[in-house]
Protein backbone atom coordinates (compact mmCIF):
# COMPACT_ATOMS: atom_id res chain seq x y z
CA MET A 1 3.24 0.37 -2.61
CA GLU A 2 0.43 1.20 -5.03
CA ILE A 3 -1.82 2.34 -2.20
CA VAL A 4 0.87 4.51 -0.63
CA LYS A 5 1.85 6.06 -3.97
CA ASN A 6 -1.51 7.79 -4.38
CA ARG A 7 -1.35 9.15 -0.85
CA VAL A 8 2.12 10.58 -1.50
CA TYR A 9 1.12 12.37 -4.70
CA ASN A 10 -2.54 13.23 -4.11
CA GLY A 11 -3.26 12.86 -0.41
CA THR A 12 -4.01 15.40 2.26
CA GLU A 13 -1.09 16.59 4.36
CA GLU A 14 -1.96 14.02 7.02
CA GLU A 15 -2.15 11.21 4.44
CA LYS A 16 1.20 12.28 2.96
CA GLN A 17 2.87 12.24 6.38
CA SER A 18 1.38 8.82 7.09
CA ALA A 19 2.60 7.52 3.72
CA PHE A 20 6.14 8.86 4.19
CA TYR A 21 6.30 7.41 7.71
CA THR A 22 5.16 4.02 6.43
CA LEU A 23 7.58 4.02 3.49
CA TYR A 24 10.53 5.12 5.60
CA ASN A 25 9.99 2.52 8.31
CA SER A 26 9.14 -0.27 5.86
CA LEU A 27 12.23 0.32 3.75
CA LEU A 28 14.45 0.57 6.82
CA ALA A 29 13.04 -2.73 8.15
CA ILE A 30 13.63 -4.45 4.81
CA LEU A 31 17.17 -3.08 4.72
CA LYS A 32 17.88 -4.41 8.22
CA LEU A 33 16.52 -7.84 7.31
CA MET A 34 18.65 -7.97 4.17
CA ALA A 35 21.84 -6.75 5.88
CA PRO A 36 23.17 -10.21 6.86
CA PHE A 37 22.83 -11.42 3.26
CA THR A 38 23.95 -8.30 1.40
CA PRO A 39 26.15 -6.48 3.92
CA PHE A 40 27.92 -4.00 1.66
CA ILE A 41 24.98 -2.65 -0.33
CA THR A 42 22.73 -2.41 2.73
CA GLU A 43 25.45 -0.52 4.61
CA GLU A 44 25.87 1.87 1.69
CA LEU A 45 22.13 2.50 1.50
CA TYR A 46 21.91 2.95 5.25
CA GLN A 47 24.78 5.45 5.29
CA ASN A 48 23.38 7.46 2.38
CA TYR A 49 19.68 7.51 3.23
CA PHE A 50 19.03 6.56 6.85
CA LYS A 51 22.03 7.33 9.07
CA SER A 52 21.20 11.03 9.40
CA GLN A 53 17.85 10.09 11.00
CA GLU A 54 18.93 6.99 12.89
CA LYS A 55 21.19 6.78 15.95
CA ASP A 56 23.32 3.78 14.92
CA LYS A 57 26.69 4.26 13.21
CA SER A 58 26.10 1.19 11.06
CA ILE A 59 23.11 -0.85 10.01
CA HIS A 60 24.98 -3.85 11.39
CA LEU A 61 24.88 -2.33 14.88
CA SER A 62 21.16 -1.59 14.76
CA LEU A 63 18.42 -3.64 16.38
CA TRP A 64 16.15 -5.91 14.39
CA PRO A 65 12.85 -4.35 13.34
CA GLU A 66 10.05 -4.55 15.87
CA LYS A 67 6.35 -4.93 15.25
CA PHE A 68 4.62 -1.59 14.82
CA LYS A 69 2.36 -0.85 17.74
CA ILE A 70 -0.77 0.67 16.30
CA LYS A 71 -4.36 0.56 17.37
CA GLU A 72 -6.13 -2.21 15.51
CA GLU A 73 -9.81 -2.84 15.07
CA LYS A 74 -11.28 -6.33 14.88
CA SER A 75 -12.40 -5.76 11.29
CA ASP A 76 -9.04 -4.41 9.98
CA GLU A 77 -7.81 -7.77 8.69
CA GLU A 78 -11.16 -8.55 7.04
CA ILE A 79 -11.19 -5.14 5.32
CA TRP A 80 -7.57 -5.52 4.17
CA ASN A 81 -8.22 -9.00 2.75
CA LEU A 82 -11.37 -7.76 1.01
CA LEU A 83 -9.45 -4.87 -0.55
CA LEU A 84 -6.70 -7.20 -1.78
CA ASP A 85 -9.28 -9.60 -3.20
CA ILE A 86 -11.03 -6.84 -5.15
CA ILE A 87 -7.73 -5.46 -6.45
CA SER A 88 -6.75 -8.96 -7.58
CA LYS A 89 -10.08 -9.50 -9.36
CA VAL A 90 -9.94 -6.11 -11.08
CA ARG A 91 -6.37 -6.75 -12.24
CA MET A 92 -7.43 -10.12 -13.60
CA GLU A 93 -10.30 -8.50 -15.53
CA LYS A 94 -7.98 -5.84 -16.93
CA SER A 95 -5.51 -8.52 -18.01
CA LYS A 96 -8.23 -10.60 -19.67
CA ALA A 97 -9.39 -7.53 -21.58
CA GLN A 98 -5.76 -6.69 -22.43
CA LYS A 99 -6.14 -3.28 -20.83
CA SER A 100 -3.52 -1.26 -19.03
CA MET A 101 -3.60 -1.43 -15.24
CA LYS A 102 -4.14 2.34 -15.41
CA ALA A 103 -7.25 1.95 -17.60
CA GLU A 104 -10.21 3.79 -16.08
CA ILE A 105 -13.14 1.64 -15.02
CA ILE A 106 -16.61 1.62 -13.55
CA LEU A 107 -16.69 -0.87 -10.70
CA THR A 108 -19.84 -2.54 -9.44
CA LEU A 109 -19.75 -3.83 -5.86
CA GLU A 110 -22.41 -5.13 -3.54
CA LYS A 111 -23.69 -2.63 -0.96
CA ASP A 112 -22.30 -4.55 2.02
CA VAL A 113 -18.86 -4.65 0.40
CA GLN A 114 -18.98 -0.89 -0.20
CA ASP A 115 -19.98 -0.37 3.43
CA LYS A 116 -17.07 -2.48 4.70
CA LEU A 117 -14.61 -0.56 2.50
CA LYS A 118 -15.97 2.92 3.21
CA THR A 119 -12.87 4.03 5.15
CA ILE A 120 -10.49 3.04 2.34
CA ILE A 121 -12.66 3.42 -0.75
CA SER A 122 -10.53 6.36 -1.94
CA ASP A 123 -7.48 4.08 -1.92
CA LEU A 124 -9.33 1.49 -4.01
CA ARG A 125 -10.42 4.20 -6.45
CA ALA A 126 -6.87 5.46 -6.84
CA VAL A 127 -5.12 2.11 -7.16
CA MET A 128 -7.53 0.70 -9.74
CA SER A 129 -8.41 3.96 -11.58
CA VAL A 130 -12.07 3.65 -10.60
CA LYS A 131 -14.13 6.57 -11.92
CA GLU A 132 -17.47 5.38 -10.57
CA ILE A 133 -18.71 2.76 -8.15
CA LYS A 134 -22.15 1.26 -8.71
CA THR A 135 -24.17 -1.06 -6.49
CA GLY A 136 -24.77 -4.65 -7.58
CA ARG A 137 -22.89 -7.87 -8.28
CA PHE A 138 -19.16 -7.53 -8.89
CA LYS A 139 -18.49 -6.23 -12.38
CA VAL A 140 -15.76 -4.25 -14.14
CA GLU A 141 -16.68 -1.96 -17.06
CA PHE A 142 -14.05 -0.18 -19.11
CA LEU A 143 -14.41 3.44 -20.17
């Protein structure tokens, strides 16, 4: 959610559309999965927020969510796991320093890590409030 939030508020038009598509479909899938356990609230949410865009009269008549069919690269999972690992480490450093998760930082990453994350570095910057990225061993500096 943190990654998508920046795209919604600060992204290009294409990034905003991608974010809204992802949020819509993710929330609808979660709603469908929860429907057997919380039938009344999920039906209410479906009727108020999704029915106008969906073809089913009720969430309980809709099909289960299907896997999204998107083009995947071999390195996508590695990049995603690397991003999550860095976010986790930065959050840990912010917690240790008793800083807000919104505290601005200077992040030092090894060159190969920066190269692997080049397509999503703007997401990392936004989620962790990174003002500058330096090259070297992993390090978090607070501004």
